[in-house]
Amino acid sequence: MSGLEELSREELIALVLQLREANAVLEARVRGLERLVSRNSGNSSMPPSGDDLPGRTKPAPKRAKSSGRKRGKQPGAQGTAMGWVSAPDEWVAHRPVGSCGCGADLAAAHVVGVEHSHQVHDLPPVRIKVSQHEVYRVRCGCGVEHVGSLPPEVSPAPCSYGPNIKTLVVYLLIYQHVPVQRCVRLIADVCGGAGPSEGFVHGMLARCAAAVREVVTLIKTLITMAQVVGFDETTLRAGPAGQKKYVLSASTENATVYHLGGRDLDSFAAFGILPEFAGVAVHDRYGNYFHPRWANLAGHQVCNAHLLRDFADAAESYPDAHWPPQAQRALRGLIGAWHHARDQGLTGIPPCIRDPLMREFRHAIRVGLAQVPLVPGPRHRTAQHPGRDLLEFCRDHEDNVIGFCSDTRIWPTNNISERDLRPTKTQQKISGRFTSEQITQDRLDIRSYLDTARKHGTDILTALRQAIMGTPWNPPLPDPT
C-alpha cells in the first residue's frame, strides 16, 4: 500500500484497526460458508442425494457393528426358494430321440416312467387382446323391444382401452415413477408395438384421482382420529418456473395422506388435519407445529433422528466437547430401550433403564449450555453459536423430546413419515418440474390411496384396478370404543 510512510502514528493505528475489523468480518463470512458446505445428511435434514453436490462434505462413514457372524444366510434362518407347483399350467415331454443300439426307433419305445422333472417359471408373451362387445336389441313376443347394456368397465366410445392397461399406466406413472413418454414406449415394446398415446396416459392421472377422491377424504378422516400421527414436509418443484411448493404429509402405521401447498400456517390448516387433530404429533423442530392455532393437540414428540443429526453437527462444530456425543449416546439408548419395551408389550420403558439415560441426557444439555454462550440480542434476529438453539430447545421442550419414554404408543422418531415422502423426491429427480399444480395434487391423491392400501397388505395393482373400475378399495373403519 503506497503512502504508508507519510501517515502519522495515529493514522497507522486507525488503519490497522480498520483492517482488523474487515478481517474479522471476512473470517466470520468464511466460517459461515465452511459451515454451509459442511452440511450433509449426517448432520442436518438434508437428503442423502445432496451429499454428492460439488463442494459438499460427505458424512463420515458409519461404523459397522460387528456381530461376529459370517456374511450371508445364517444357520437356522428361514430360507426362501422358488416353490414347486403341484398343478403347473403346462406339461412339456422330452422323450429320447433317435435309434437304439439294436436299430429300433425310440419313438415307438414303451414309456417306463418320468426320470426327473424340472419346472420353469416364466412370463407368457404379452399382447393386447381386443374384445368386441356386441350390444343386442331383442324383441319380446309381445312386440316390445329391449336393448342390452355395457358393463361398467367398458367405455361407450367405439374404441377404448380396458381396465388392465389403464391400471398398468397409473401403476407405472405413480408407483414406479416412469415418465409419460417412457410409459408409452414401455407398453408399446412389451405389447408388440401397440401402445396408448401420451394424451391418454397423462389423462389417466385425473381420472384415477377422481375415482379415489372419496377414499382419500376417508383416509384423511381416519388419520385425524388417530392417537399418534407423524407430520413432515419436503420441497417440490411444481407450477411456473422458479416457483417452489411443499408436499405436506401425515402418516400413521396404517395410512398416509399428502397435500401440495406451502410451509406456512395457512397451508398447514388447508391440509385439514392439524386443526382438528387431538392426538400426539410427531415432527421436527419446525416452529409452525408448535403454533397455538392447533389448540386440540394432545402433545408433541420431536423426531429424535433429527436431533441426533443436529448433535452430530454440534460434535463437528466443537470437536473437543463431550456433551454432543453424550447426548447422542443417551438418545440412542432411549430409542433402543423403547423398541425393546414395545416388542415386549410394555406401556413404557422400565424406570431402571429409562432414568439413568434421561439423567445422562439432561447433564449433557446443562454442560452444553454452560460451554456455548448466549449471544445477546433479539431472539429472532440474533444468530447464535452453532448448537445453542438446539440446547435451549432440549432444555425448554424436554417433555417433547423424551416423552416417548413413558408411552410406547408414541414413536421416538418420525422415520415413518420420511420413508413415505421419499418417493416424492425420487419422482422429481426423474421428471424434473411438475408444470401443473392440479395434476401434481392428483398424483399425491393417488399416492395417498396406494400407500394406505399397501400398509394394509392390499395388492397395489388390485387396488388400482378396483379404483379404475369404479369400486375403489376402502380402508377398514376402526372399532367403536
Protein backbone atom coordinates (compact mmCIF):
# COMPACT_ATOMS: atom_id res chain seq x y z
CA MET A 1 0.00 0.00 0.00
CA SER A 2 1.65 3.24 -1.17
CA GLY A 3 1.86 6.30 1.03
CA LEU A 4 2.10 4.45 4.33
CA GLU A 5 5.35 6.24 5.17
CA GLU A 6 3.51 9.55 5.04
CA LEU A 7 0.89 8.52 7.61
CA SER A 8 1.18 9.55 11.21
CA ARG A 9 1.26 7.10 14.09
CA GLU A 10 -2.41 7.74 14.91
CA GLU A 11 -3.41 7.24 11.27
CA LEU A 12 -1.48 3.96 11.11
CA ILE A 13 -3.18 2.71 14.27
CA ALA A 14 -6.59 3.65 12.84
CA LEU A 15 -5.77 1.84 9.61
CA VAL A 16 -4.68 -1.29 11.47
CA LEU A 17 -7.90 -1.27 13.50
CA GLN A 18 -9.92 -0.83 10.32
CA LEU A 19 -8.13 -3.76 8.67
CA ARG A 20 -8.64 -5.91 11.77
CA GLU A 21 -12.38 -5.19 11.67
CA ALA A 22 -12.56 -6.02 7.97
CA ASN A 23 -10.55 -9.20 8.58
CA ALA A 24 -12.90 -10.22 11.38
CA VAL A 25 -15.88 -9.79 9.04
CA LEU A 26 -14.18 -11.90 6.39
CA GLU A 27 -13.27 -14.58 8.92
CA ALA A 28 -16.90 -14.77 10.05
CA ARG A 29 -18.04 -15.00 6.44
CA VAL A 30 -15.57 -17.80 5.71
CA ARG A 31 -16.71 -19.68 8.82
CA GLY A 32 -20.31 -19.33 7.67
CA LEU A 33 -19.50 -20.60 4.19
CA GLU A 34 -17.47 -23.50 5.56
CA ARG A 35 -20.36 -24.43 7.84
CA LEU A 36 -22.76 -24.19 4.91
CA VAL A 37 -20.81 -26.59 2.71
CA SER A 38 -20.25 -28.93 5.66
CA ARG A 39 -23.99 -29.61 5.94
CA ASN A 40 -24.93 -33.09 4.80
CA SER A 41 -27.40 -35.87 5.50
CA GLY A 42 -25.47 -36.92 8.58
CA ASN A 43 -25.60 -33.59 10.45
CA SER A 44 -28.74 -31.88 9.09
CA SER A 45 -32.11 -32.54 7.49
CA MET A 46 -30.61 -32.58 4.01
CA PRO A 47 -31.49 -35.68 1.96
CA PRO A 48 -28.68 -38.12 1.15
CA SER A 49 -28.94 -37.13 -2.52
CA GLY A 50 -27.44 -33.74 -1.62
CA ASP A 51 -24.23 -35.31 -0.36
CA ASP A 52 -22.95 -35.63 -3.93
CA LEU A 53 -23.27 -31.93 -4.77
CA PRO A 54 -20.00 -30.23 -5.81
CA GLY A 55 -18.02 -28.93 -2.82
CA ARG A 56 -20.26 -30.69 -0.30
CA THR A 57 -18.61 -32.51 2.58
CA LYS A 58 -19.80 -36.10 2.72
CA PRO A 59 -20.90 -37.52 6.07
CA ALA A 60 -18.50 -39.69 7.97
CA PRO A 61 -18.97 -43.39 7.16
CA LYS A 62 -20.99 -45.24 9.75
CA ARG A 63 -19.11 -47.79 11.73
CA ALA A 64 -20.44 -51.25 11.04
CA LYS A 65 -21.33 -53.11 14.20
CA SER A 66 -19.61 -56.47 14.09
CA SER A 67 -21.80 -59.35 15.20
CA GLY A 68 -19.09 -61.97 14.81
CA ARG A 69 -21.11 -63.79 12.18
CA LYS A 70 -20.13 -64.52 8.61
CA ARG A 71 -21.86 -62.82 5.70
CA GLY A 72 -24.84 -64.46 4.05
CA LYS A 73 -27.61 -66.67 5.32
CA GLN A 74 -27.20 -67.72 8.93
CA PRO A 75 -27.62 -71.29 10.19
CA GLY A 76 -31.21 -71.88 11.21
CA ALA A 77 -32.55 -68.80 9.44
CA GLN A 78 -35.68 -69.29 7.35
CA GLY A 79 -34.77 -69.56 3.69
CA THR A 80 -36.64 -68.55 0.57
CA ALA A 81 -36.64 -70.51 -2.66
CA MET A 82 -38.78 -70.91 -5.76
CA GLY A 83 -41.54 -73.28 -4.72
CA TRP A 84 -42.62 -76.42 -6.54
CA VAL A 85 -46.08 -76.02 -8.10
CA SER A 86 -48.34 -79.04 -7.72
CA ALA A 87 -50.53 -78.13 -10.72
CA PRO A 88 -48.41 -76.49 -13.44
CA ASP A 89 -50.04 -74.68 -16.35
CA GLU A 90 -48.31 -76.76 -18.99
CA TRP A 91 -46.53 -80.10 -19.31
CA VAL A 92 -43.71 -80.49 -21.85
CA ALA A 93 -42.50 -84.02 -22.57
CA HIS A 94 -38.90 -84.73 -23.51
CA ARG A 95 -38.55 -88.28 -24.92
CA PRO A 96 -35.33 -89.80 -26.11
CA VAL A 97 -34.83 -89.29 -29.84
CA GLY A 98 -33.00 -91.34 -32.41
CA SER A 99 -32.47 -95.08 -32.57
CA CYS A 100 -31.47 -97.69 -30.05
CA GLY A 101 -28.27 -99.63 -30.44
CA CYS A 102 -30.35 -102.51 -31.74
CA GLY A 103 -31.60 -100.32 -34.57
CA ALA A 104 -35.16 -99.79 -33.28
CA ASP A 105 -36.68 -96.30 -33.43
CA LEU A 106 -37.01 -94.83 -29.89
CA ALA A 107 -40.23 -93.01 -30.89
CA ALA A 108 -42.04 -96.33 -30.59
CA ALA A 109 -40.34 -97.36 -27.35
CA HIS A 110 -42.51 -98.16 -24.30
CA VAL A 111 -42.63 -95.45 -21.59
CA VAL A 112 -41.17 -96.73 -18.33
CA GLY A 113 -41.73 -93.50 -16.34
CA VAL A 114 -40.56 -89.94 -15.75
CA GLU A 115 -36.87 -89.93 -14.91
CA HIS A 116 -36.86 -86.38 -13.39
CA SER A 117 -38.93 -83.21 -13.62
CA HIS A 118 -37.98 -79.56 -13.92
CA GLN A 119 -40.31 -76.56 -13.57
CA VAL A 120 -39.61 -73.28 -15.38
CA HIS A 121 -41.33 -70.12 -14.15
CA ASP A 122 -41.71 -67.55 -16.92
CA LEU A 123 -43.99 -64.86 -18.30
CA PRO A 124 -46.08 -65.57 -21.39
CA PRO A 125 -45.71 -63.20 -24.35
CA VAL A 126 -47.76 -60.07 -23.68
CA ARG A 127 -50.06 -58.85 -26.43
CA ILE A 128 -53.04 -56.50 -26.31
CA LYS A 129 -56.22 -58.53 -26.72
CA VAL A 130 -59.12 -56.83 -28.50
CA SER A 131 -62.57 -57.80 -27.26
CA GLN A 132 -65.57 -56.65 -29.28
CA HIS A 133 -68.67 -56.07 -27.18
CA GLU A 134 -71.91 -56.51 -29.10
CA VAL A 135 -74.95 -54.79 -27.61
CA TYR A 136 -78.02 -56.59 -28.90
CA ARG A 137 -81.56 -55.41 -29.45
CA VAL A 138 -84.22 -58.05 -28.88
CA ARG A 139 -87.98 -58.14 -29.40
CA CYS A 140 -90.26 -59.83 -26.92
CA GLY A 141 -93.18 -61.95 -28.13
CA CYS A 142 -95.47 -59.09 -27.07
CA GLY A 143 -93.68 -56.80 -29.51
CA VAL A 144 -91.68 -54.69 -27.02
CA GLU A 145 -88.01 -54.27 -27.91
CA HIS A 146 -85.17 -54.29 -25.33
CA VAL A 147 -81.50 -53.21 -25.69
CA GLY A 148 -78.63 -54.71 -23.72
CA SER A 149 -76.17 -52.60 -21.73
CA LEU A 150 -72.39 -52.42 -21.50
CA PRO A 151 -70.64 -53.46 -18.28
CA PRO A 152 -69.29 -50.56 -16.16
CA GLU A 153 -65.66 -51.17 -17.19
CA VAL A 154 -66.43 -50.71 -20.90
CA SER A 155 -66.46 -47.15 -22.26
CA PRO A 156 -69.36 -46.10 -24.54
CA ALA A 157 -66.77 -44.93 -27.09
CA PRO A 158 -66.41 -47.11 -30.22
CA CYS A 159 -62.81 -47.97 -29.25
CA SER A 160 -61.27 -47.75 -25.78
CA TYR A 161 -58.70 -49.31 -23.50
CA GLY A 162 -59.73 -51.76 -20.82
CA PRO A 163 -59.13 -51.63 -17.05
CA ASN A 164 -55.96 -53.73 -17.13
CA ILE A 165 -53.97 -51.41 -19.38
CA LYS A 166 -55.37 -48.39 -17.51
CA THR A 167 -54.18 -49.95 -14.26
CA LEU A 168 -50.74 -50.58 -15.70
CA VAL A 169 -50.46 -46.97 -16.92
CA VAL A 170 -51.25 -45.47 -13.50
CA TYR A 171 -49.04 -48.01 -11.73
CA LEU A 172 -46.05 -47.11 -13.90
CA LEU A 173 -46.62 -43.36 -13.54
CA ILE A 174 -47.26 -43.19 -9.80
CA TYR A 175 -45.68 -46.21 -8.17
CA GLN A 176 -42.68 -46.80 -10.43
CA HIS A 177 -42.05 -43.11 -11.31
CA VAL A 178 -41.93 -43.76 -15.07
CA PRO A 179 -42.33 -40.53 -17.12
CA VAL A 180 -45.22 -40.30 -19.59
CA GLN A 181 -43.15 -40.79 -22.75
CA ARG A 182 -41.26 -43.74 -21.33
CA CYS A 183 -44.52 -45.25 -20.10
CA VAL A 184 -45.92 -45.13 -23.65
CA ARG A 185 -42.73 -46.65 -25.06
CA LEU A 186 -42.56 -49.38 -22.40
CA ILE A 187 -46.13 -50.55 -23.02
CA ALA A 188 -45.59 -50.46 -26.78
CA ASP A 189 -42.39 -52.51 -26.50
CA VAL A 190 -43.88 -55.09 -24.17
CA CYS A 191 -47.13 -55.41 -26.12
CA GLY A 192 -45.59 -55.83 -29.56
CA GLY A 193 -45.57 -52.27 -30.86
CA ALA A 194 -49.12 -51.29 -29.86
CA GLY A 195 -49.43 -48.75 -27.06
CA PRO A 196 -51.56 -45.83 -25.88
CA SER A 197 -51.00 -42.19 -26.74
CA GLU A 198 -49.27 -39.73 -24.43
CA GLY A 199 -52.54 -37.83 -24.04
CA PHE A 200 -54.33 -40.96 -22.84
CA VAL A 201 -51.56 -41.78 -20.37
CA HIS A 202 -51.46 -38.27 -18.95
CA GLY A 203 -55.25 -38.10 -18.76
CA MET A 204 -55.40 -41.23 -16.61
CA LEU A 205 -53.98 -39.24 -13.68
CA ALA A 206 -57.04 -37.01 -13.38
CA ARG A 207 -59.45 -39.89 -14.00
CA CYS A 208 -57.85 -42.12 -11.38
CA ALA A 209 -57.59 -39.26 -8.87
CA ALA A 210 -61.32 -38.58 -9.27
CA ALA A 211 -62.04 -42.27 -8.67
CA VAL A 212 -60.17 -42.33 -5.33
CA ARG A 213 -61.12 -38.85 -4.08
CA GLU A 214 -63.73 -40.06 -1.61
CA VAL A 215 -61.33 -42.70 -0.29
CA VAL A 216 -58.63 -40.06 0.24
CA THR A 217 -61.14 -38.00 2.23
CA LEU A 218 -61.86 -41.06 4.36
CA ILE A 219 -58.12 -41.67 4.85
CA LYS A 220 -57.69 -38.07 6.00
CA THR A 221 -60.54 -38.53 8.49
CA LEU A 222 -59.03 -41.74 9.86
CA ILE A 223 -55.64 -40.04 10.31
CA THR A 224 -57.29 -37.13 12.12
CA MET A 225 -58.88 -39.63 14.52
CA ALA A 226 -55.58 -41.43 15.23
CA GLN A 227 -53.74 -41.24 18.55
CA VAL A 228 -50.28 -40.62 17.05
CA VAL A 229 -49.55 -39.04 13.65
CA GLY A 230 -46.24 -38.17 12.03
CA PHE A 231 -46.06 -34.89 10.09
CA ASP A 232 -43.37 -33.93 7.62
CA GLU A 233 -42.83 -31.69 4.61
CA THR A 234 -40.44 -31.53 1.67
CA THR A 235 -39.86 -29.18 -1.24
CA LEU A 236 -41.17 -29.93 -4.71
CA ARG A 237 -40.72 -28.02 -7.98
CA ALA A 238 -44.31 -27.57 -9.14
CA GLY A 239 -46.09 -24.85 -11.08
CA PRO A 240 -44.47 -22.00 -13.02
CA ALA A 241 -40.68 -21.94 -13.36
CA GLY A 242 -38.93 -20.51 -10.34
CA GLN A 243 -41.77 -21.43 -8.00
CA LYS A 244 -41.28 -23.82 -5.10
CA LYS A 245 -44.01 -25.78 -3.40
CA TYR A 246 -44.06 -28.14 -0.45
CA VAL A 247 -45.53 -31.60 -0.11
CA LEU A 248 -47.05 -31.94 3.36
CA SER A 249 -47.58 -35.44 4.69
CA ALA A 250 -49.44 -37.03 7.58
CA SER A 251 -48.64 -40.66 8.34
CA THR A 252 -49.68 -43.38 10.72
CA GLU A 253 -48.66 -47.02 10.71
CA ASN A 254 -51.76 -47.81 8.62
CA ALA A 255 -52.39 -44.72 6.48
CA THR A 256 -50.74 -41.84 4.64
CA VAL A 257 -52.09 -38.69 3.01
CA TYR A 258 -50.30 -35.92 1.08
CA HIS A 259 -51.10 -32.29 0.30
CA LEU A 260 -49.47 -29.79 -2.06
CA GLY A 261 -49.10 -26.31 -0.61
CA GLY A 262 -46.65 -24.09 1.20
CA ARG A 263 -44.84 -24.26 4.51
CA ASP A 264 -46.94 -21.53 6.08
CA LEU A 265 -49.68 -21.82 8.69
CA ASP A 266 -52.49 -21.39 6.16
CA SER A 267 -51.19 -24.31 4.09
CA PHE A 268 -50.94 -26.43 7.23
CA ALA A 269 -54.56 -25.54 8.01
CA ALA A 270 -55.69 -26.18 4.41
CA PHE A 271 -54.23 -29.68 4.70
CA GLY A 272 -57.17 -30.28 7.01
CA ILE A 273 -55.67 -32.43 9.76
CA LEU A 274 -53.91 -30.29 12.38
CA PRO A 275 -56.93 -28.01 13.11
CA GLU A 276 -58.99 -30.99 14.34
CA PHE A 277 -56.27 -33.44 15.36
CA ALA A 278 -56.42 -34.28 19.07
CA GLY A 279 -53.58 -36.78 19.35
CA VAL A 280 -49.79 -36.58 19.65
CA ALA A 281 -47.98 -35.01 16.67
CA VAL A 282 -44.54 -36.40 15.80
CA HIS A 283 -42.44 -33.94 13.79
CA ASP A 284 -39.19 -31.98 13.61
CA ARG A 285 -38.40 -28.70 15.38
CA TYR A 286 -40.14 -26.51 12.79
CA GLY A 287 -41.95 -23.73 14.69
CA ASN A 288 -45.28 -23.95 12.86
CA TYR A 289 -46.02 -27.28 14.51
CA PHE A 290 -45.89 -25.58 17.92
CA HIS A 291 -48.25 -22.74 16.94
CA PRO A 292 -51.21 -22.16 19.33
CA ARG A 293 -53.51 -22.37 16.31
CA TRP A 294 -53.53 -26.16 16.79
CA ALA A 295 -55.49 -25.96 20.03
CA ASN A 296 -56.70 -29.56 20.05
CA LEU A 297 -53.28 -31.23 20.08
CA ALA A 298 -52.68 -33.58 22.99
CA GLY A 299 -48.92 -33.13 22.76
CA HIS A 300 -45.79 -33.14 20.64
CA GLN A 301 -42.97 -35.61 20.09
CA VAL A 302 -39.90 -34.22 18.35
CA CYS A 303 -38.19 -36.61 15.97
CA ASN A 304 -35.09 -37.90 17.73
CA ALA A 305 -33.49 -38.84 14.40
CA HIS A 306 -33.41 -35.12 13.57
CA LEU A 307 -31.96 -34.35 17.00
CA LEU A 308 -29.23 -36.96 16.54
CA ARG A 309 -28.21 -35.30 13.27
CA ASP A 310 -28.25 -31.89 14.98
CA PHE A 311 -25.99 -33.20 17.74
CA ALA A 312 -23.71 -34.66 15.06
CA ASP A 313 -23.41 -31.15 13.64
CA ALA A 314 -22.61 -29.83 17.13
CA ALA A 315 -19.92 -32.50 17.52
CA GLU A 316 -18.30 -31.32 14.29
CA SER A 317 -18.51 -27.68 15.42
CA TYR A 318 -17.00 -28.48 18.85
CA PRO A 319 -14.72 -31.50 18.29
CA ASP A 320 -13.23 -31.30 21.80
CA ALA A 321 -16.59 -31.08 23.61
CA HIS A 322 -18.01 -34.14 25.38
CA TRP A 323 -21.66 -33.10 25.57
CA PRO A 324 -22.67 -33.75 21.90
CA PRO A 325 -21.66 -37.45 21.86
CA GLN A 326 -23.03 -37.84 25.39
CA ALA A 327 -26.45 -36.53 24.28
CA GLN A 328 -26.35 -38.79 21.22
CA ARG A 329 -25.44 -41.81 23.34
CA ALA A 330 -28.32 -41.16 25.75
CA LEU A 331 -30.90 -40.65 22.97
CA ARG A 332 -29.79 -43.77 21.11
CA GLY A 333 -30.02 -45.74 24.34
CA LEU A 334 -33.55 -44.48 24.97
CA ILE A 335 -34.64 -45.26 21.40
CA GLY A 336 -33.26 -48.79 21.66
CA ALA A 337 -34.95 -49.27 25.04
CA TRP A 338 -38.25 -48.04 23.55
CA HIS A 339 -38.10 -50.63 20.77
CA HIS A 340 -37.31 -53.38 23.26
CA ALA A 341 -40.15 -52.30 25.58
CA ARG A 342 -42.62 -52.15 22.72
CA ASP A 343 -41.61 -55.57 21.44
CA GLN A 344 -42.30 -56.93 24.93
CA GLY A 345 -45.74 -55.29 25.05
CA LEU A 346 -44.81 -52.81 27.80
CA THR A 347 -46.54 -49.43 28.05
CA GLY A 348 -43.28 -47.60 28.73
CA ILE A 349 -39.55 -48.02 29.21
CA PRO A 350 -38.80 -49.55 32.64
CA PRO A 351 -37.58 -46.84 35.07
CA CYS A 352 -34.40 -48.75 35.86
CA ILE A 353 -33.36 -48.36 32.22
CA ARG A 354 -35.00 -45.02 31.47
CA ASP A 355 -33.89 -42.88 34.42
CA PRO A 356 -30.08 -43.24 34.08
CA LEU A 357 -30.27 -42.42 30.37
CA MET A 358 -32.50 -39.41 30.99
CA ARG A 359 -30.06 -38.11 33.64
CA GLU A 360 -27.20 -38.53 31.17
CA PHE A 361 -29.13 -36.56 28.54
CA ARG A 362 -30.04 -33.74 30.95
CA HIS A 363 -26.45 -33.48 32.13
CA ALA A 364 -25.22 -33.20 28.52
CA ILE A 365 -27.68 -30.35 27.89
CA ARG A 366 -26.60 -28.48 31.03
CA VAL A 367 -22.92 -28.80 30.16
CA GLY A 368 -23.58 -27.67 26.59
CA LEU A 369 -25.47 -24.59 27.75
CA ALA A 370 -22.57 -23.70 30.03
CA GLN A 371 -19.99 -24.12 27.25
CA VAL A 372 -21.88 -22.47 24.36
CA PRO A 373 -22.54 -18.86 25.40
CA LEU A 374 -25.69 -16.97 24.54
CA VAL A 375 -25.30 -14.12 22.06
CA PRO A 376 -27.30 -11.14 23.44
CA GLY A 377 -29.93 -9.58 21.21
CA PRO A 378 -33.48 -10.03 19.90
CA ARG A 379 -34.24 -13.74 19.79
CA HIS A 380 -35.47 -13.99 16.20
CA ARG A 381 -32.87 -11.62 14.72
CA THR A 382 -29.70 -12.66 16.51
CA ALA A 383 -27.64 -15.53 15.14
CA GLN A 384 -26.50 -17.83 17.91
CA HIS A 385 -23.41 -20.03 18.08
CA PRO A 386 -23.86 -23.47 16.49
CA GLY A 387 -25.79 -25.75 18.81
CA ARG A 388 -27.11 -23.03 21.14
CA ASP A 389 -30.66 -23.11 19.73
CA LEU A 390 -30.61 -26.91 19.88
CA LEU A 391 -29.56 -26.91 23.53
CA GLU A 392 -32.17 -24.34 24.52
CA PHE A 393 -34.86 -26.31 22.70
CA CYS A 394 -33.93 -29.55 24.50
CA ARG A 395 -33.97 -27.69 27.82
CA ASP A 396 -37.27 -25.87 27.25
CA HIS A 397 -39.10 -28.74 25.50
CA GLU A 398 -37.80 -31.75 27.41
CA ASP A 399 -41.24 -33.40 27.53
CA ASN A 400 -41.46 -33.10 23.75
CA VAL A 401 -38.00 -34.64 23.32
CA ILE A 402 -38.20 -37.70 25.58
CA GLY A 403 -41.95 -38.02 26.08
CA PHE A 404 -41.91 -41.34 24.23
CA CYS A 405 -40.14 -42.94 27.18
CA SER A 406 -43.37 -43.18 29.21
CA ASP A 407 -45.68 -44.27 26.36
CA THR A 408 -44.64 -46.85 23.77
CA ARG A 409 -47.53 -45.80 21.53
CA ILE A 410 -45.55 -42.64 20.72
CA TRP A 411 -42.72 -43.11 18.22
CA PRO A 412 -39.32 -41.70 19.18
CA THR A 413 -38.55 -40.84 15.54
CA ASN A 414 -40.53 -39.71 12.52
CA ASN A 415 -38.84 -42.18 10.18
CA ILE A 416 -42.21 -43.49 9.00
CA SER A 417 -43.08 -40.06 7.55
CA GLU A 418 -39.67 -39.63 5.96
CA ARG A 419 -39.98 -43.02 4.28
CA ASP A 420 -43.42 -42.11 2.97
CA LEU A 421 -42.15 -38.84 1.48
CA ARG A 422 -39.02 -40.29 -0.13
CA PRO A 423 -40.73 -41.48 -3.36
CA THR A 424 -41.82 -37.88 -4.00
CA LYS A 425 -38.18 -36.80 -4.29
CA THR A 426 -37.43 -39.80 -6.48
CA GLN A 427 -40.24 -38.79 -8.84
CA GLN A 428 -38.94 -35.22 -9.01
CA LYS A 429 -35.40 -36.37 -9.87
CA ILE A 430 -36.80 -38.39 -12.76
CA SER A 431 -39.43 -35.98 -14.07
CA GLY A 432 -37.99 -32.59 -13.07
CA ARG A 433 -40.55 -29.82 -12.61
CA PHE A 434 -44.28 -30.58 -12.49
CA THR A 435 -45.92 -27.86 -14.56
CA SER A 436 -49.48 -28.29 -13.27
CA GLU A 437 -50.27 -27.94 -9.58
CA GLN A 438 -53.63 -29.69 -10.05
CA ILE A 439 -52.09 -32.72 -11.76
CA THR A 440 -49.43 -32.78 -9.03
CA GLN A 441 -52.17 -32.92 -6.39
CA ASP A 442 -53.83 -35.70 -8.41
CA ARG A 443 -50.57 -37.62 -8.26
CA LEU A 444 -50.41 -37.11 -4.49
CA ASP A 445 -54.02 -38.26 -4.02
CA ILE A 446 -53.34 -41.47 -5.95
CA ARG A 447 -50.16 -41.99 -3.94
CA SER A 448 -52.14 -41.49 -0.71
CA TYR A 449 -54.56 -44.20 -1.82
CA LEU A 450 -51.82 -46.63 -2.86
CA ASP A 451 -49.61 -46.12 0.20
CA THR A 452 -52.54 -46.66 2.54
CA ALA A 453 -53.60 -49.80 0.66
CA ARG A 454 -50.02 -51.11 0.82
CA LYS A 455 -49.86 -50.53 4.57
CA HIS A 456 -52.97 -52.69 4.92
CA GLY A 457 -51.35 -55.52 2.95
CA THR A 458 -53.51 -54.98 -0.15
CA ASP A 459 -52.01 -55.74 -3.56
CA ILE A 460 -51.25 -52.43 -5.31
CA LEU A 461 -52.38 -53.50 -8.79
CA THR A 462 -55.59 -54.96 -7.40
CA ALA A 463 -56.39 -51.75 -5.52
CA LEU A 464 -55.70 -49.67 -8.64
CA ARG A 465 -57.86 -51.89 -10.84
CA GLN A 466 -60.72 -51.67 -8.36
CA ALA A 467 -60.50 -47.88 -8.38
CA ILE A 468 -60.45 -47.67 -12.17
CA MET A 469 -63.47 -49.98 -12.38
CA GLY A 470 -65.41 -47.68 -10.04
CA THR A 471 -65.25 -49.78 -6.87
CA PRO A 472 -62.14 -48.49 -5.07
CA TRP A 473 -60.64 -50.25 -2.08
CA ASN A 474 -61.58 -48.66 1.26
CA PRO A 475 -59.55 -48.81 4.48
CA PRO A 476 -61.30 -50.63 7.33
CA LEU A 477 -63.01 -48.43 9.89
CA PRO A 478 -61.70 -48.57 13.47
CA ASP A 479 -63.69 -50.49 16.03
CA PRO A 480 -66.04 -48.22 18.02
CA THR A 481 -64.84 -47.54 21.56
